[in-house]
PDB file of N, CA and C in Angstrom:
ATOM      1  N   MET A   1     -13.102   9.265  -7.519  1.00  0.00           N
ATOM      2  CA  MET A   1     -12.871   8.203  -6.560  1.00  0.00           C
ATOM      3  C   MET A   1     -11.383   8.009  -6.299  1.00  0.00           C
ATOM      4  N   ARG A   2     -10.587   7.950  -7.356  1.00  0.00           N
ATOM      5  CA  ARG A   2      -9.152   7.732  -7.181  1.00  0.00           C
ATOM      6  C   ARG A   2      -8.517   8.883  -6.422  1.00  0.00           C
ATOM      7  N   ASN A   3      -8.920  10.111  -6.746  1.00  0.00           N
ATOM      8  CA  ASN A   3      -8.345  11.250  -6.044  1.00  0.00           C
ATOM      9  C   ASN A   3      -8.771  11.286  -4.588  1.00  0.00           C
ATOM     10  N   ARG A   4      -9.972  10.826  -4.293  1.00  0.00           N
ATOM     11  CA  ARG A   4     -10.428  10.770  -2.901  1.00  0.00           C
ATOM     12  C   ARG A   4      -9.588   9.780  -2.103  1.00  0.00           C
ATOM     13  N   ARG A   5      -9.335   8.628  -2.693  1.00  0.00           N
ATOM     14  CA  ARG A   5      -8.519   7.614  -2.034  1.00  0.00           C
ATOM     15  C   ARG A   5      -7.083   8.103  -1.885  1.00  0.00           C
ATOM     16  N   LYS A   6      -6.561   8.744  -2.932  1.00  0.00           N
ATOM     17  CA  LYS A   6      -5.208   9.285  -2.889  1.00  0.00           C
ATOM     18  C   LYS A   6      -5.094  10.343  -1.798  1.00  0.00           C
ATOM     19  N   GLN A   7      -6.078  11.221  -1.721  1.00  0.00           N
ATOM     20  CA  GLN A   7      -6.064  12.258  -0.696  1.00  0.00           C
ATOM     21  C   GLN A   7      -6.140  11.640   0.698  1.00  0.00           C
ATOM     22  N   ALA A   8      -6.933  10.611   0.862  1.00  0.00           N
ATOM     23  CA  ALA A   8      -7.054   9.953   2.172  1.00  0.00           C
ATOM     24  C   ALA A   8      -5.724   9.327   2.588  1.00  0.00           C
ATOM     25  N   VAL A   9      -5.065   8.634   1.678  1.00  0.00           N
ATOM     26  CA  VAL A   9      -3.784   7.990   1.996  1.00  0.00           C
ATOM     27  C   VAL A   9      -2.721   9.040   2.298  1.00  0.00           C
ATOM     28  N   LEU A  10      -2.625  10.049   1.449  1.00  0.00           N
ATOM     29  CA  LEU A  10      -1.611  11.081   1.663  1.00  0.00           C
ATOM     30  C   LEU A  10      -1.882  11.881   2.932  1.00  0.00           C
ATOM     31  N   SER A  11      -3.141  12.170   3.213  1.00  0.00           N
ATOM     32  CA  SER A  11      -3.485  12.890   4.451  1.00  0.00           C
ATOM     33  C   SER A  11      -3.118  12.070   5.677  1.00  0.00           C
ATOM     34  N   PHE A  12      -3.390  10.773   5.619  1.00  0.00           N
ATOM     35  CA  PHE A  12      -3.049   9.899   6.745  1.00  0.00           C
ATOM     36  C   PHE A  12      -1.549   9.907   6.989  1.00  0.00           C
ATOM     37  N   LEU A  13      -0.763   9.742   5.930  1.00  0.00           N
ATOM     38  CA  LEU A  13       0.686   9.718   6.080  1.00  0.00           C
ATOM     39  C   LEU A  13       1.232  11.071   6.525  1.00  0.00           C
ATOM     40  N   PHE A  14       0.653  12.148   6.025  1.00  0.00           N
ATOM     41  CA  PHE A  14       1.092  13.488   6.402  1.00  0.00           C
ATOM     42  C   PHE A  14       0.815  13.745   7.882  1.00  0.00           C
ATOM     43  N   GLY A  15      -0.369  13.390   8.336  1.00  0.00           N
ATOM     44  CA  GLY A  15      -0.750  13.616   9.715  1.00  0.00           C
ATOM     45  C   GLY A  15      -0.061  12.686  10.696  1.00  0.00           C
ATOM     46  N   ARG A  16       0.341  11.542  10.235  1.00  0.00           N
ATOM     47  CA  ARG A  16       0.970  10.546  11.105  1.00  0.00           C
ATOM     48  C   ARG A  16       2.343  10.992  11.579  1.00  0.00           C
ATOM     49  N   GLY A  17       3.115  11.577  10.699  1.00  0.00           N
ATOM     50  CA  GLY A  17       4.425  12.077  11.081  1.00  0.00           C
ATOM     51  C   GLY A  17       5.519  11.032  11.159  1.00  0.00           C
ATOM     52  N   ARG A  18       5.178   9.779  10.973  1.00  0.00           N
ATOM     53  CA  ARG A  18       6.180   8.702  10.951  1.00  0.00           C
ATOM     54  C   ARG A  18       5.713   7.642   9.963  1.00  0.00           C
ATOM     55  N   PRO A  19       6.622   6.797   9.511  1.00  0.00           N
ATOM     56  CA  PRO A  19       6.234   5.785   8.521  1.00  0.00           C
ATOM     57  C   PRO A  19       5.164   4.829   9.046  1.00  0.00           C
ATOM     58  N   ALA A  20       4.398   4.276   8.110  1.00  0.00           N
ATOM     59  CA  ALA A  20       3.317   3.352   8.448  1.00  0.00           C
ATOM     60  C   ALA A  20       3.354   2.154   7.515  1.00  0.00           C
ATOM     61  N   THR A  21       2.920   1.021   8.016  1.00  0.00           N
ATOM     62  CA  THR A  21       2.796  -0.176   7.184  1.00  0.00           C
ATOM     63  C   THR A  21       1.517  -0.078   6.353  1.00  0.00           C
ATOM     64  N   ALA A  22       1.411  -0.947   5.363  1.00  0.00           N
ATOM     65  CA  ALA A  22       0.200  -0.953   4.529  1.00  0.00           C
ATOM     66  C   ALA A  22      -1.033  -1.266   5.373  1.00  0.00           C
ATOM     67  N   ALA A  23      -0.905  -2.158   6.343  1.00  0.00           N
ATOM     68  CA  ALA A  23      -2.040  -2.497   7.206  1.00  0.00           C
ATOM     69  C   ALA A  23      -2.470  -1.293   8.038  1.00  0.00           C
ATOM     70  N   GLU A  24      -1.517  -0.519   8.534  1.00  0.00           N
ATOM     71  CA  GLU A  24      -1.846   0.678   9.313  1.00  0.00           C
ATOM     72  C   GLU A  24      -2.524   1.730   8.435  1.00  0.00           C
ATOM     73  N   ILE A  25      -2.046   1.858   7.207  1.00  0.00           N
ATOM     74  CA  ILE A  25      -2.665   2.810   6.278  1.00  0.00           C
ATOM     75  C   ILE A  25      -4.091   2.372   5.961  1.00  0.00           C
ATOM     76  N   ALA A  26      -4.272   1.083   5.674  1.00  0.00           N
ATOM     77  CA  ALA A  26      -5.609   0.559   5.353  1.00  0.00           C
ATOM     78  C   ALA A  26      -6.570   0.812   6.504  1.00  0.00           C
ATOM     79  N   TRP A  27      -6.127   0.582   7.722  1.00  0.00           N
ATOM     80  CA  TRP A  27      -6.967   0.822   8.890  1.00  0.00           C
ATOM     81  C   TRP A  27      -7.232   2.317   9.063  1.00  0.00           C
ATOM     82  N   GLY A  28      -6.202   3.137   8.870  1.00  0.00           N
ATOM     83  CA  GLY A  28      -6.327   4.582   9.066  1.00  0.00           C
ATOM     84  C   GLY A  28      -7.263   5.262   8.090  1.00  0.00           C
ATOM     85  N   VAL A  29      -7.321   4.764   6.867  1.00  0.00           N
ATOM     86  CA  VAL A  29      -8.199   5.381   5.866  1.00  0.00           C
ATOM     87  C   VAL A  29      -9.488   4.583   5.682  1.00  0.00           C
ATOM     88  N   ARG A  30      -9.666   3.542   6.481  1.00  0.00           N
ATOM     89  CA  ARG A  30     -10.870   2.709   6.478  1.00  0.00           C
ATOM     90  C   ARG A  30     -11.186   2.155   5.080  1.00  0.00           C
ATOM     91  N   LEU A  31     -10.197   1.469   4.525  1.00  0.00           N
ATOM     92  CA  LEU A  31     -10.396   0.874   3.195  1.00  0.00           C
ATOM     93  C   LEU A  31     -11.488  -0.181   3.241  1.00  0.00           C
ATOM     94  N   PRO A  32     -12.306  -0.251   2.199  1.00  0.00           N
ATOM     95  CA  PRO A  32     -13.378  -1.246   2.162  1.00  0.00           C
ATOM     96  C   PRO A  32     -12.893  -2.630   1.715  1.00  0.00           C
ATOM     97  N   TYR A  33     -11.581  -2.800   1.546  1.00  0.00           N
ATOM     98  CA  TYR A  33     -11.038  -4.092   1.140  1.00  0.00           C
ATOM     99  C   TYR A  33      -9.789  -4.398   1.964  1.00  0.00           C
ATOM    100  N   ALA A  34      -9.263  -5.608   1.838  1.00  0.00           N
ATOM    101  CA  ALA A  34      -8.115  -6.047   2.630  1.00  0.00           C
ATOM    102  C   ALA A  34      -6.876  -5.212   2.321  1.00  0.00           C
ATOM    103  N   SER A  35      -6.010  -5.083   3.297  1.00  0.00           N
ATOM    104  CA  SER A  35      -4.817  -4.250   3.124  1.00  0.00           C
ATOM    105  C   SER A  35      -3.896  -4.782   2.033  1.00  0.00           C
ATOM    106  N   GLY A  36      -4.004  -6.060   1.694  1.00  0.00           N
ATOM    107  CA  GLY A  36      -3.189  -6.619   0.624  1.00  0.00           C
ATOM    108  C   GLY A  36      -3.438  -5.932  -0.709  1.00  0.00           C
ATOM    109  N   GLY A  37      -4.637  -5.436  -0.906  1.00  0.00           N
ATOM    110  CA  GLY A  37      -4.963  -4.726  -2.136  1.00  0.00           C
ATOM    111  C   GLY A  37      -4.341  -3.346  -2.218  1.00  0.00           C
ATOM    112  N   LEU A  38      -3.774  -2.895  -1.129  1.00  0.00           N
ATOM    113  CA  LEU A  38      -3.190  -1.557  -1.074  1.00  0.00           C
ATOM    114  C   LEU A  38      -1.761  -1.522  -1.614  1.00  0.00           C
ATOM    115  N   TYR A  39      -1.088  -2.671  -1.651  1.00  0.00           N
ATOM    116  CA  TYR A  39       0.316  -2.695  -2.059  1.00  0.00           C
ATOM    117  C   TYR A  39       0.520  -2.188  -3.478  1.00  0.00           C
ATOM    118  N   ARG A  40      -0.334  -2.589  -4.393  1.00  0.00           N
ATOM    119  CA  ARG A  40      -0.206  -2.140  -5.788  1.00  0.00           C
ATOM    120  C   ARG A  40      -0.406  -0.626  -5.885  1.00  0.00           C
ATOM    121  N   LEU A  41      -1.371  -0.119  -5.145  1.00  0.00           N
ATOM    122  CA  LEU A  41      -1.630   1.309  -5.132  1.00  0.00           C
ATOM    123  C   LEU A  41      -0.421   2.072  -4.577  1.00  0.00           C
ATOM    124  N   LEU A  42       0.136   1.586  -3.476  1.00  0.00           N
ATOM    125  CA  LEU A  42       1.304   2.230  -2.876  1.00  0.00           C
ATOM    126  C   LEU A  42       2.519   2.155  -3.794  1.00  0.00           C
ATOM    127  N   LEU A  43       2.634   1.059  -4.538  1.00  0.00           N
ATOM    128  CA  LEU A  43       3.724   0.928  -5.504  1.00  0.00           C
ATOM    129  C   LEU A  43       3.593   1.993  -6.600  1.00  0.00           C
ATOM    130  N   ASN A  44       2.365   2.227  -7.051  1.00  0.00           N
ATOM    131  CA  ASN A  44       2.137   3.280  -8.044  1.00  0.00           C
ATOM    132  C   ASN A  44       2.460   4.655  -7.467  1.00  0.00           C
ATOM    133  N   TYR A  45       2.038   4.893  -6.237  1.00  0.00           N
ATOM    134  CA  TYR A  45       2.348   6.175  -5.592  1.00  0.00           C
ATOM    135  C   TYR A  45       3.857   6.344  -5.435  1.00  0.00           C
ATOM    136  N   GLN A  46       4.542   5.252  -5.143  1.00  0.00           N
ATOM    137  CA  GLN A  46       5.998   5.312  -5.017  1.00  0.00           C
ATOM    138  C   GLN A  46       6.635   5.654  -6.361  1.00  0.00           C
ATOM    139  N   HIS A  47       6.128   5.049  -7.411  1.00  0.00           N
ATOM    140  CA  HIS A  47       6.656   5.310  -8.759  1.00  0.00           C
ATOM    141  C   HIS A  47       6.593   6.799  -9.097  1.00  0.00           C
ATOM    142  N   TRP A  48       5.530   7.465  -8.698  1.00  0.00           N
ATOM    143  CA  TRP A  48       5.349   8.878  -8.986  1.00  0.00           C
ATOM    144  C   TRP A  48       5.954   9.787  -7.921  1.00  0.00           C
ATOM    145  N   GLY A  49       6.593   9.214  -6.908  1.00  0.00           N
ATOM    146  CA  GLY A  49       7.262  10.011  -5.885  1.00  0.00           C
ATOM    147  C   GLY A  49       6.323  10.578  -4.834  1.00  0.00           C
ATOM    148  N   LEU A  50       5.088  10.081  -4.779  1.00  0.00           N
ATOM    149  CA  LEU A  50       4.142  10.595  -3.795  1.00  0.00           C
ATOM    150  C   LEU A  50       4.411  10.003  -2.418  1.00  0.00           C
ATOM    151  N   VAL A  51       4.843   8.753  -2.374  1.00  0.00           N
ATOM    152  CA  VAL A  51       5.228   8.122  -1.111  1.00  0.00           C
ATOM    153  C   VAL A  51       6.627   7.545  -1.267  1.00  0.00           C
ATOM    154  N   LEU A  52       7.301   7.403  -0.155  1.00  0.00           N
ATOM    155  CA  LEU A  52       8.634   6.814  -0.121  1.00  0.00           C
ATOM    156  C   LEU A  52       8.548   5.531   0.694  1.00  0.00           C
ATOM    157  N   ARG A  53       9.132   4.470   0.166  1.00  0.00           N
ATOM    158  CA  ARG A  53       9.085   3.166   0.841  1.00  0.00           C
ATOM    159  C   ARG A  53      10.461   2.847   1.402  1.00  0.00           C
ATOM    160  N   SER A  54      10.479   2.309   2.599  1.00  0.00           N
ATOM    161  CA  SER A  54      11.716   1.833   3.202  1.00  0.00           C
ATOM    162  C   SER A  54      11.402   0.563   3.972  1.00  0.00           C
ATOM    163  N   GLN A  55      12.442  -0.071   4.473  1.00  0.00           N
ATOM    164  CA  GLN A  55      12.259  -1.306   5.213  1.00  0.00           C
ATOM    165  C   GLN A  55      12.532  -1.040   6.684  1.00  0.00           C
ATOM    166  N   ALA A  56      11.604  -1.440   7.527  1.00  0.00           N
ATOM    167  CA  ALA A  56      11.745  -1.265   8.970  1.00  0.00           C
ATOM    168  C   ALA A  56      12.726  -2.300   9.514  1.00  0.00           C
ATOM    169  N   ALA A  57      13.105  -2.135  10.768  1.00  0.00           N
ATOM    170  CA  ALA A  57      14.048  -3.052  11.404  1.00  0.00           C
ATOM    171  C   ALA A  57      13.520  -4.487  11.439  1.00  0.00           C
ATOM    172  N   ASP A  58      12.206  -4.638  11.492  1.00  0.00           N
ATOM    173  CA  ASP A  58      11.620  -5.980  11.534  1.00  0.00           C
ATOM    174  C   ASP A  58      11.413  -6.581  10.137  1.00  0.00           C
ATOM    175  N   GLY A  59      11.827  -5.870   9.092  1.00  0.00           N
ATOM    176  CA  GLY A  59      11.749  -6.377   7.726  1.00  0.00           C
ATOM    177  C   GLY A  59      10.511  -5.977   6.956  1.00  0.00           C
ATOM    178  N   ARG A  60       9.522  -5.382   7.623  1.00  0.00           N
ATOM    179  CA  ARG A  60       8.306  -4.959   6.925  1.00  0.00           C
ATOM    180  C   ARG A  60       8.569  -3.673   6.151  1.00  0.00           C
ATOM    181  N   PHE A  61       7.831  -3.510   5.057  1.00  0.00           N
ATOM    182  CA  PHE A  61       7.916  -2.253   4.313  1.00  0.00           C
ATOM    183  C   PHE A  61       7.055  -1.211   5.007  1.00  0.00           C
ATOM    184  N   VAL A  62       7.594  -0.016   5.107  1.00  0.00           N
ATOM    185  CA  VAL A  62       6.852   1.105   5.679  1.00  0.00           C
ATOM    186  C   VAL A  62       6.879   2.242   4.671  1.00  0.00           C
ATOM    187  N   TYR A  63       5.868   3.078   4.736  1.00  0.00           N
ATOM    188  CA  TYR A  63       5.686   4.154   3.774  1.00  0.00           C
ATOM    189  C   TYR A  63       5.553   5.485   4.489  1.00  0.00           C
ATOM    190  N   ARG A  64       6.097   6.535   3.854  1.00  0.00           N
ATOM    191  CA  ARG A  64       5.926   7.897   4.357  1.00  0.00           C
ATOM    192  C   ARG A  64       5.669   8.796   3.154  1.00  0.00           C
ATOM    193  N   ILE A  65       5.104   9.934   3.422  1.00  0.00           N
ATOM    194  CA  ILE A  65       4.785  10.851   2.327  1.00  0.00           C
ATOM    195  C   ILE A  65       6.073  11.496   1.815  1.00  0.00           C
ATOM    196  N   GLY A  66       6.179  11.606   0.504  1.00  0.00           N
ATOM    197  CA  GLY A  66       7.346  12.230  -0.118  1.00  0.00           C
ATOM    198  C   GLY A  66       7.070  13.695  -0.430  1.00  0.00           C
ATOM    199  N   PRO A  67       8.108  14.427  -0.833  1.00  0.00           N
ATOM    200  CA  PRO A  67       7.931  15.844  -1.172  1.00  0.00           C
ATOM    201  C   PRO A  67       6.876  16.077  -2.259  1.00  0.00           C
ATOM    202  N   ARG A  68       6.863  15.240  -3.275  1.00  0.00           N
ATOM    203  CA  ARG A  68       5.833  15.379  -4.317  1.00  0.00           C
ATOM    204  C   ARG A  68       4.458  15.065  -3.761  1.00  0.00           C
ATOM    205  N   GLY A  69       4.398  14.156  -2.793  1.00  0.00           N
ATOM    206  CA  GLY A  69       3.137  13.815  -2.152  1.00  0.00           C
ATOM    207  C   GLY A  69       2.570  14.983  -1.363  1.00  0.00           C
ATOM    208  N   VAL A  70       3.452  15.739  -0.706  1.00  0.00           N
ATOM    209  CA  VAL A  70       3.004  16.921   0.040  1.00  0.00           C
ATOM    210  C   VAL A  70       2.417  17.948  -0.924  1.00  0.00           C
ATOM    211  N   GLY A  71       3.085  18.145  -2.053  1.00  0.00           N
ATOM    212  CA  GLY A  71       2.568  19.070  -3.062  1.00  0.00           C
ATOM    213  C   GLY A  71       1.245  18.605  -3.645  1.00  0.00           C
ATOM    214  N   ARG A  72       1.137  17.315  -3.935  1.00  0.00           N
ATOM    215  CA  ARG A  72      -0.099  16.779  -4.490  1.00  0.00           C
ATOM    216  C   ARG A  72      -1.235  16.870  -3.487  1.00  0.00           C
ATOM    217  N   LEU A  73      -0.931  16.624  -2.214  1.00  0.00           N
ATOM    218  CA  LEU A  73      -1.952  16.733  -1.173  1.00  0.00           C
ATOM    219  C   LEU A  73      -2.477  18.159  -1.085  1.00  0.00           C
ATOM    220  N   ALA A  74      -1.590  19.135  -1.139  1.00  0.00           N
ATOM    221  CA  ALA A  74      -2.016  20.543  -1.105  1.00  0.00           C
ATOM    222  C   ALA A  74      -2.908  20.852  -2.310  1.00  0.00           C
ATOM    223  N   TRP A  75      -2.526  20.357  -3.479  1.00  0.00           N
ATOM    224  CA  TRP A  75      -3.316  20.584  -4.693  1.00  0.00           C
ATOM    225  C   TRP A  75      -4.688  19.935  -4.571  1.00  0.00           C
ATOM    226  N   LEU A  76      -4.727  18.708  -4.069  1.00  0.00           N
ATOM    227  CA  LEU A  76      -6.006  18.011  -3.910  1.00  0.00           C
ATOM    228  C   LEU A  76      -6.914  18.744  -2.925  1.00  0.00           C
ATOM    229  N   ARG A  77      -6.351  19.260  -1.857  1.00  0.00           N
ATOM    230  CA  ARG A  77      -7.157  19.982  -0.857  1.00  0.00           C
ATOM    231  C   ARG A  77      -7.686  21.292  -1.441  1.00  0.00           C
ATOM    232  N   ARG A  78      -6.859  22.006  -2.204  1.00  0.00           N
ATOM    233  CA  ARG A  78      -7.311  23.252  -2.836  1.00  0.00           C
ATOM    234  C   ARG A  78      -8.428  22.961  -3.835  1.00  0.00           C
ATOM    235  N   ARG A  79      -8.235  21.921  -4.603  1.00  0.00           N
ATOM    236  CA  ARG A  79      -9.210  21.548  -5.636  1.00  0.00           C
ATOM    237  C   ARG A  79     -10.533  21.147  -4.988  1.00  0.00           C
ATOM    238  N   ARG A  80     -10.460  20.448  -3.877  1.00  0.00           N
ATOM    239  CA  ARG A  80     -11.656  19.986  -3.175  1.00  0.00           C
ATOM    240  C   ARG A  80     -12.404  21.163  -2.552  1.00  0.00           C
ATOM    241  N   ALA A  81     -11.669  22.171  -2.095  1.00  0.00           N
ATOM    242  CA  ALA A  81     -12.289  23.332  -1.445  1.00  0.00           C
ATOM    243  C   ALA A  81     -13.000  24.238  -2.461  1.00  0.00           C
ATOM    244  N   ALA A  82     -12.555  24.177  -3.702  1.00  0.00           N
ATOM    245  CA  ALA A  82     -13.135  25.076  -4.722  1.00  0.00           C
ATOM    246  C   ALA A  82     -14.490  24.633  -5.198  1.00  0.00           C
TER     247      ALA A  82
END
């Protein structure tokens, strides 16, 4: 379950090509809970270098996939295909 959610978030950010807010990510991956619950998950992903967080001009936090996230996404896709 965790890897499925991780793959969904990383795939969304990879395909998006630009940073996204937590609400946009929640909508894009069709989370079954409010986007507020996504912040802790994104913080963990940031800790491991899977996503990079920055602040947009309007003050909101936005997230993009990091280099380690691209590698992890490739690994998750290979593992899923096997």
